[in-house]
Amino acid sequence: MAPLLDYVPKLKEATEVQCKGVYCGMPSYFPISHMLKRNWFLPVGPPPGASSKLVLESVKKTSSNSRNYTFIGRFPPNARLHLQPLPGYSLLSWSLESFIPPVTPYGDEGLGCYCIMYTRGNGVGETKLWIEVKGDIDVSPVLEVSLISVYINPPLSTSDELQQLLSLLPSWVSTISWTSVMDNMTF
């Protein structure tokens, strides 16, 4: 990154990502941050018109040691959902498949999360999903959730701030850019 600092002074504001929170707090499209030795993140505002949300519709006790969480999500055509049961809790079942996939590892702490890639055609879609978490259900919180909305198609794939940043790069730099918005929740 050092060779670009003379061209783009704003990069001096970029902070190296410290692995905290679900999937290190990276609004990434693919779960690859554990494969990169160093990451920098330069936060800018969301693109105009970006809208996505994940709402907790209900929580129900399903047994003496499990709870069912039902969510309604309004996602763009490309999104990721990261689910991380907190220590002492595990994912028992969910509405996405009849099996629970292996945990995706991340970070130096040996934690992991379940990474769900949501892709659809054009437009924003609404999805209902539920997950069942096992553990001491009388203690909260039990689960961290991150919704990463990824905008790879115009006009939401860019913002004025991103365009200003890209215009400062030298001609020898080849870029592929898009915008993403990350929302973190704890339940």
C-alpha atoms as a PDB file:
ATOM      1  CA  MET A   1       0.000   0.000   0.000  1.00  0.00           C
ATOM      2  CA  ALA A   2       2.932   2.360   0.653  1.00  0.00           C
ATOM      3  CA  PRO A   3       3.544   3.164  -3.064  1.00  0.00           C
ATOM      4  CA  LEU A   4      -0.009   4.524  -3.347  1.00  0.00           C
ATOM      5  CA  LEU A   5       0.110   6.882  -0.358  1.00  0.00           C
ATOM      6  CA  ASP A   6       1.608   9.724  -2.419  1.00  0.00           C
ATOM      7  CA  TYR A   7      -1.244   9.436  -4.933  1.00  0.00           C
ATOM      8  CA  VAL A   8      -4.115   8.912  -2.501  1.00  0.00           C
ATOM      9  CA  PRO A   9      -3.538  10.698   0.829  1.00  0.00           C
ATOM     10  CA  LYS A  10      -6.884   9.371   2.130  1.00  0.00           C
ATOM     11  CA  LEU A  11      -5.306   5.917   2.303  1.00  0.00           C
ATOM     12  CA  LYS A  12      -3.354   7.174   5.318  1.00  0.00           C
ATOM     13  CA  GLU A  13      -6.689   7.056   7.161  1.00  0.00           C
ATOM     14  CA  ALA A  14      -7.108   3.357   6.395  1.00  0.00           C
ATOM     15  CA  THR A  15      -6.825   1.150   9.432  1.00  0.00           C
ATOM     16  CA  GLU A  16      -5.438  -2.345   9.518  1.00  0.00           C
ATOM     17  CA  VAL A  17      -8.245  -4.735  10.314  1.00  0.00           C
ATOM     18  CA  GLN A  18      -8.069  -6.265  13.782  1.00  0.00           C
ATOM     19  CA  CYS A  19      -9.966  -9.517  14.052  1.00  0.00           C
ATOM     20  CA  LYS A  20     -12.933  -8.629  16.261  1.00  0.00           C
ATOM     21  CA  GLY A  21     -16.586  -9.449  15.766  1.00  0.00           C
ATOM     22  CA  VAL A  22     -18.221 -11.761  13.289  1.00  0.00           C
ATOM     23  CA  TYR A  23     -15.779 -12.574  10.525  1.00  0.00           C
ATOM     24  CA  CYS A  24     -13.372  -9.875  11.704  1.00  0.00           C
ATOM     25  CA  GLY A  25     -15.877  -7.157  10.847  1.00  0.00           C
ATOM     26  CA  MET A  26     -14.926  -7.324   7.155  1.00  0.00           C
ATOM     27  CA  PRO A  27     -17.707  -6.484   4.687  1.00  0.00           C
ATOM     28  CA  SER A  28     -16.319  -9.046   2.243  1.00  0.00           C
ATOM     29  CA  TYR A  29     -18.153 -10.817  -0.553  1.00  0.00           C
ATOM     30  CA  PHE A  30     -16.247 -14.085  -0.140  1.00  0.00           C
ATOM     31  CA  PRO A  31     -15.099 -15.462   3.244  1.00  0.00           C
ATOM     32  CA  ILE A  32     -11.388 -15.091   2.507  1.00  0.00           C
ATOM     33  CA  SER A  33     -10.073 -12.662   5.106  1.00  0.00           C
ATOM     34  CA  HIS A  34      -8.444 -15.565   6.968  1.00  0.00           C
ATOM     35  CA  MET A  35      -6.365 -16.213   3.812  1.00  0.00           C
ATOM     36  CA  LEU A  36      -4.934 -12.695   3.660  1.00  0.00           C
ATOM     37  CA  LYS A  37      -2.047 -11.752   5.917  1.00  0.00           C
ATOM     38  CA  ARG A  38      -2.951  -8.067   6.201  1.00  0.00           C
ATOM     39  CA  ASN A  39      -6.144  -6.195   5.425  1.00  0.00           C
ATOM     40  CA  TRP A  40      -6.900  -2.500   5.395  1.00  0.00           C
ATOM     41  CA  PHE A  41     -10.339  -1.023   5.473  1.00  0.00           C
ATOM     42  CA  LEU A  42     -11.252   2.493   4.394  1.00  0.00           C
ATOM     43  CA  PRO A  43     -14.832   3.126   5.464  1.00  0.00           C
ATOM     44  CA  VAL A  44     -16.968   5.437   3.354  1.00  0.00           C
ATOM     45  CA  GLY A  45     -20.689   6.093   3.302  1.00  0.00           C
ATOM     46  CA  PRO A  46     -23.102   3.672   1.653  1.00  0.00           C
ATOM     47  CA  PRO A  47     -24.135   4.210  -1.950  1.00  0.00           C
ATOM     48  CA  PRO A  48     -27.252   6.363  -2.379  1.00  0.00           C
ATOM     49  CA  GLY A  49     -30.370   4.214  -2.485  1.00  0.00           C
ATOM     50  CA  ALA A  50     -28.856   1.151  -0.808  1.00  0.00           C
ATOM     51  CA  SER A  51     -31.425  -0.638   1.301  1.00  0.00           C
ATOM     52  CA  SER A  52     -31.220  -3.944   3.076  1.00  0.00           C
ATOM     53  CA  LYS A  53     -32.250  -5.118   6.490  1.00  0.00           C
ATOM     54  CA  LEU A  54     -32.539  -8.122   8.725  1.00  0.00           C
ATOM     55  CA  VAL A  55     -35.312  -8.047  11.322  1.00  0.00           C
ATOM     56  CA  LEU A  56     -35.795 -10.479  14.184  1.00  0.00           C
ATOM     57  CA  GLU A  57     -39.442 -11.521  13.847  1.00  0.00           C
ATOM     58  CA  SER A  58     -39.678 -13.872  16.824  1.00  0.00           C
ATOM     59  CA  VAL A  59     -37.784 -15.873  19.457  1.00  0.00           C
ATOM     60  CA  LYS A  60     -39.303 -19.094  20.793  1.00  0.00           C
ATOM     61  CA  LYS A  61     -38.065 -21.540  23.387  1.00  0.00           C
ATOM     62  CA  THR A  62     -38.060 -24.951  21.661  1.00  0.00           C
ATOM     63  CA  SER A  63     -36.715 -27.065  24.539  1.00  0.00           C
ATOM     64  CA  SER A  64     -35.082 -26.612  27.920  1.00  0.00           C
ATOM     65  CA  ASN A  65     -31.782 -25.775  26.211  1.00  0.00           C
ATOM     66  CA  SER A  66     -32.631 -24.359  22.780  1.00  0.00           C
ATOM     67  CA  ARG A  67     -34.221 -21.297  21.170  1.00  0.00           C
ATOM     68  CA  ASN A  68     -35.570 -20.689  17.688  1.00  0.00           C
ATOM     69  CA  TYR A  69     -34.868 -17.281  16.088  1.00  0.00           C
ATOM     70  CA  THR A  70     -36.975 -16.312  13.057  1.00  0.00           C
ATOM     71  CA  PHE A  71     -35.719 -13.502  10.826  1.00  0.00           C
ATOM     72  CA  ILE A  72     -37.104 -11.630   7.849  1.00  0.00           C
ATOM     73  CA  GLY A  73     -34.413 -10.302   5.563  1.00  0.00           C
ATOM     74  CA  ARG A  74     -34.645  -7.824   2.732  1.00  0.00           C
ATOM     75  CA  PHE A  75     -31.520  -8.420   0.667  1.00  0.00           C
ATOM     76  CA  PRO A  76     -30.033  -7.001  -2.526  1.00  0.00           C
ATOM     77  CA  PRO A  77     -29.193  -9.444  -5.352  1.00  0.00           C
ATOM     78  CA  ASN A  78     -25.863 -10.287  -3.653  1.00  0.00           C
ATOM     79  CA  ALA A  79     -25.516 -10.563   0.103  1.00  0.00           C
ATOM     80  CA  ARG A  80     -23.785 -12.572   2.806  1.00  0.00           C
ATOM     81  CA  LEU A  81     -25.072 -13.559   6.179  1.00  0.00           C
ATOM     82  CA  HIS A  82     -22.557 -14.499   8.874  1.00  0.00           C
ATOM     83  CA  LEU A  83     -23.891 -16.339  11.920  1.00  0.00           C
ATOM     84  CA  GLN A  84     -21.652 -16.826  14.937  1.00  0.00           C
ATOM     85  CA  PRO A  85     -22.959 -18.656  17.992  1.00  0.00           C
ATOM     86  CA  LEU A  86     -21.140 -17.215  21.006  1.00  0.00           C
ATOM     87  CA  PRO A  87     -18.971 -19.468  23.219  1.00  0.00           C
ATOM     88  CA  GLY A  88     -21.110 -22.135  24.893  1.00  0.00           C
ATOM     89  CA  TYR A  89     -23.698 -22.151  22.095  1.00  0.00           C
ATOM     90  CA  SER A  90     -24.035 -24.117  18.873  1.00  0.00           C
ATOM     91  CA  LEU A  91     -26.246 -24.130  15.821  1.00  0.00           C
ATOM     92  CA  LEU A  92     -28.706 -27.012  16.186  1.00  0.00           C
ATOM     93  CA  SER A  93     -30.783 -26.620  13.002  1.00  0.00           C
ATOM     94  CA  TRP A  94     -31.943 -24.061  10.477  1.00  0.00           C
ATOM     95  CA  SER A  95     -34.410 -23.570   7.630  1.00  0.00           C
ATOM     96  CA  LEU A  96     -31.767 -23.448   4.893  1.00  0.00           C
ATOM     97  CA  GLU A  97     -30.798 -27.144   4.710  1.00  0.00           C
ATOM     98  CA  SER A  98     -31.411 -30.391   6.549  1.00  0.00           C
ATOM     99  CA  PHE A  99     -27.767 -30.443   7.657  1.00  0.00           C
ATOM    100  CA  ILE A 100     -25.438 -27.996   9.396  1.00  0.00           C
ATOM    101  CA  PRO A 101     -22.275 -27.269   7.385  1.00  0.00           C
ATOM    102  CA  PRO A 102     -18.855 -27.049   9.005  1.00  0.00           C
ATOM    103  CA  VAL A 103     -17.881 -23.796  10.654  1.00  0.00           C
ATOM    104  CA  THR A 104     -15.730 -21.419   8.580  1.00  0.00           C
ATOM    105  CA  PRO A 105     -12.636 -20.584  10.645  1.00  0.00           C
ATOM    106  CA  TYR A 106     -11.390 -17.043  11.020  1.00  0.00           C
ATOM    107  CA  GLY A 107      -9.112 -14.929  13.150  1.00  0.00           C
ATOM    108  CA  ASP A 108      -6.349 -15.642  15.587  1.00  0.00           C
ATOM    109  CA  GLU A 109      -8.759 -16.693  18.327  1.00  0.00           C
ATOM    110  CA  GLY A 110      -9.812 -19.892  16.550  1.00  0.00           C
ATOM    111  CA  LEU A 111     -13.423 -18.758  16.356  1.00  0.00           C
ATOM    112  CA  GLY A 112     -15.673 -19.575  13.470  1.00  0.00           C
ATOM    113  CA  CYS A 113     -18.948 -18.695  11.855  1.00  0.00           C
ATOM    114  CA  TYR A 114     -21.432 -19.951   9.315  1.00  0.00           C
ATOM    115  CA  CYS A 115     -21.209 -18.021   6.044  1.00  0.00           C
ATOM    116  CA  ILE A 116     -24.320 -17.948   3.884  1.00  0.00           C
ATOM    117  CA  MET A 117     -24.103 -16.513   0.390  1.00  0.00           C
ATOM    118  CA  TYR A 118     -27.402 -15.127  -0.882  1.00  0.00           C
ATOM    119  CA  THR A 119     -27.682 -14.536  -4.625  1.00  0.00           C
ATOM    120  CA  ARG A 120     -30.742 -13.842  -6.747  1.00  0.00           C
ATOM    121  CA  GLY A 121     -31.668 -12.110  -9.996  1.00  0.00           C
ATOM    122  CA  ASN A 122     -32.288  -8.388 -10.263  1.00  0.00           C
ATOM    123  CA  GLY A 123     -34.036  -6.463  -7.550  1.00  0.00           C
ATOM    124  CA  VAL A 124     -34.332  -6.707  -3.802  1.00  0.00           C
ATOM    125  CA  GLY A 125     -35.903  -9.850  -2.392  1.00  0.00           C
ATOM    126  CA  GLU A 126     -37.452 -10.724   0.926  1.00  0.00           C
ATOM    127  CA  THR A 127     -36.492 -13.965   2.635  1.00  0.00           C
ATOM    128  CA  LYS A 128     -37.685 -15.588   5.837  1.00  0.00           C
ATOM    129  CA  LEU A 129     -35.333 -17.898   7.706  1.00  0.00           C
ATOM    130  CA  TRP A 130     -35.022 -19.450  11.120  1.00  0.00           C
ATOM    131  CA  ILE A 131     -32.171 -20.868  13.142  1.00  0.00           C
ATOM    132  CA  GLU A 132     -32.201 -22.934  16.306  1.00  0.00           C
ATOM    133  CA  VAL A 133     -29.428 -22.363  18.831  1.00  0.00           C
ATOM    134  CA  LYS A 134     -28.504 -24.812  21.605  1.00  0.00           C
ATOM    135  CA  GLY A 135     -27.004 -23.747  24.946  1.00  0.00           C
ATOM    136  CA  ASP A 136     -27.976 -22.013  28.197  1.00  0.00           C
ATOM    137  CA  ILE A 137     -31.014 -20.183  26.848  1.00  0.00           C
ATOM    138  CA  ASP A 138     -31.551 -18.234  30.057  1.00  0.00           C
ATOM    139  CA  VAL A 139     -28.412 -16.209  29.327  1.00  0.00           C
ATOM    140  CA  SER A 140     -28.124 -13.620  26.547  1.00  0.00           C
ATOM    141  CA  PRO A 141     -26.621 -12.830  24.127  1.00  0.00           C
ATOM    142  CA  VAL A 142     -26.214 -16.133  22.316  1.00  0.00           C
ATOM    143  CA  LEU A 143     -25.614 -15.147  18.704  1.00  0.00           C
ATOM    144  CA  GLU A 144     -23.852 -12.521  16.595  1.00  0.00           C
ATOM    145  CA  VAL A 145     -25.160 -11.896  13.086  1.00  0.00           C
ATOM    146  CA  SER A 146     -23.695  -9.797  10.287  1.00  0.00           C
ATOM    147  CA  LEU A 147     -25.512  -8.872   7.094  1.00  0.00           C
ATOM    148  CA  ILE A 148     -23.191  -7.791   4.292  1.00  0.00           C
ATOM    149  CA  SER A 149     -25.060  -6.246   1.369  1.00  0.00           C
ATOM    150  CA  VAL A 150     -22.877  -6.266  -1.731  1.00  0.00           C
ATOM    151  CA  TYR A 151     -23.666  -3.978  -4.650  1.00  0.00           C
ATOM    152  CA  ILE A 152     -21.777  -5.137  -7.734  1.00  0.00           C
ATOM    153  CA  ASN A 153     -24.148  -3.767 -10.375  1.00  0.00           C
ATOM    154  CA  PRO A 154     -24.622  -0.082 -11.287  1.00  0.00           C
ATOM    155  CA  PRO A 155     -25.821   2.316 -10.070  1.00  0.00           C
ATOM    156  CA  LEU A 156     -25.298   1.100  -6.481  1.00  0.00           C
ATOM    157  CA  SER A 157     -21.842  -0.360  -7.190  1.00  0.00           C
ATOM    158  CA  THR A 158     -20.265   3.036  -6.668  1.00  0.00           C
ATOM    159  CA  SER A 159     -20.592   6.211  -4.648  1.00  0.00           C
ATOM    160  CA  ASP A 160     -19.226   9.731  -4.990  1.00  0.00           C
ATOM    161  CA  GLU A 161     -16.610   8.986  -2.317  1.00  0.00           C
ATOM    162  CA  LEU A 162     -15.477   5.820  -4.086  1.00  0.00           C
ATOM    163  CA  GLN A 163     -15.258   7.593  -7.452  1.00  0.00           C
ATOM    164  CA  GLN A 164     -13.165  10.383  -5.927  1.00  0.00           C
ATOM    165  CA  LEU A 165     -10.813   7.829  -4.408  1.00  0.00           C
ATOM    166  CA  LEU A 166     -10.458   5.870  -7.658  1.00  0.00           C
ATOM    167  CA  SER A 167      -9.782   9.043  -9.657  1.00  0.00           C
ATOM    168  CA  LEU A 168      -6.668   9.674  -7.552  1.00  0.00           C
ATOM    169  CA  LEU A 169      -5.023   6.370  -8.425  1.00  0.00           C
ATOM    170  CA  PRO A 170      -2.187   6.383 -10.957  1.00  0.00           C
ATOM    171  CA  SER A 171      -2.822   5.002 -14.445  1.00  0.00           C
ATOM    172  CA  TRP A 172      -0.725   1.888 -13.766  1.00  0.00           C
ATOM    173  CA  VAL A 173      -3.228   0.690 -11.140  1.00  0.00           C
ATOM    174  CA  SER A 174      -5.970  -1.626 -12.364  1.00  0.00           C
ATOM    175  CA  THR A 175      -9.078  -1.640 -10.190  1.00  0.00           C
ATOM    176  CA  ILE A 176     -12.195  -3.673  -9.726  1.00  0.00           C
ATOM    177  CA  SER A 177     -14.511  -1.956  -7.291  1.00  0.00           C
ATOM    178  CA  TRP A 178     -17.922  -2.284  -5.746  1.00  0.00           C
ATOM    179  CA  THR A 179     -19.635  -1.117  -2.597  1.00  0.00           C
ATOM    180  CA  SER A 180     -20.835  -3.060   0.394  1.00  0.00           C
ATOM    181  CA  VAL A 181     -22.697  -2.224   3.571  1.00  0.00           C
ATOM    182  CA  MET A 182     -22.317  -4.220   6.783  1.00  0.00           C
ATOM    183  CA  ASP A 183     -24.823  -4.363   9.646  1.00  0.00           C
ATOM    184  CA  ASN A 184     -23.882  -6.186  12.874  1.00  0.00           C
ATOM    185  CA  MET A 185     -26.441  -7.428  15.390  1.00  0.00           C
ATOM    186  CA  THR A 186     -26.317  -9.388  18.633  1.00  0.00           C
ATOM    187  CA  PHE A 187     -29.214 -11.487  19.924  1.00  0.00           C
END
